[in-house]
Every structure is written in structure tokens, then in C-alpha cells.
Amino acid sequence: MTATRLARAALLVVAVGLALGACASSGSTTSDAVPATTVPAPTTQEADMRIEISISGQRLTATLDDSAASRDLVAQLPVTVEMVDHGGVEKTGPLPSPLSLDGQPAGADPDVGDLGYYAPGSDVVLYYGDQSSFTGIVVLGRMEGDAAERIAAMDGPVTATFSALDG
């Protein structure tokens, strides 16, 4: 071997040795190590915002969607709302303060059993019949069980108290 080739081979051996040494020490726990990034699990409130709606001694529950409007509603609880019947499909009543519309479409087509918000009037809405799509409607969540049928059986105006449920 020539001196040049011998020097290159020696240099290659040194470089490989250094690389292997660096790999072997990478398992150490030094303070400059970068920790793994984890996404925290949603809290109970983020994963399952539930409220109670009390009307004439009946207790109904609803699960809210995770939205700015739903969080604004929860911030106003407990709240008592005088509600009137509209068109045989919904009970509506004004909230003390408007809800955020951030991230909401211009309108929605609520289903029977939905809990909603009508932005132009700042009204909370309990849908017990088929309401068509309309500008200004925001679906906040869904009433549970037979709540829509129970509300449909309530004639005329009602007083509803909305409260947060724990856990």
C-alpha cells in the first residue's frame, strides 16, 4: 500500500470509530436531550360538556359540542330562561349575553333533539320538531334520551333552568 492509501484507511478507521462512539453515547440521559412531545388527553370538560335542563320539575340532559359558542353558554350557567313555542317545532328564549360565533357556519339544519342557538335573537333553542336549515342557527349539542318528546308534550311557554353537570 502506498502512504496515501494507508493514511486514507487510517482516517476512515478513526472516522468510523468516532461515529460508533457517538451512537453508543446517544442513549445517555444528559440535560440537553430533547424530550418526546406528547399530546395531553382532553380533560373531562373538553371531552364531555354536559348540562341539565330543568323544566316544570322535569330534568333533561344534553351533551354540548366542543365549540366557542358552547363554552360561552357554559360560562353563563346557571341561567333561567323564559321560553316560548315557535311553530310547533322548538322552544326559544333569550340568553343574558350573546354567544361566540367563532368557527360556526352562517346557518345550520338542526335535527329533532338538538340544542341550539339562534344568533339574531341571542336565543337558546330546544328542537323537538323538524326545523329546516336557516341562517343564524348554531347547533350547540344534543339532548339525551326522550328529551325532545318530553318537550313536545309541554304546551305553551315554559321556564327552563340550564345548569352545568359535574363530571
Foldseek 3Di string as FASTA:
>chain_A
DDPVVVVVVVVVVVVVVVVVVVVVCPPDDDPPDDDDDDDDDDDCCQVWWKKWKDWPNDIWMWTFHRDQQLVVVQVQPFDKFKWWDDPLFKTKTADPDATDCPPHDQKDFDDQFFWKAQRVRNITMHTLHGDGIDGRIDTTTGIDDCVSVVVSPDPTIIMMTMHTDDD
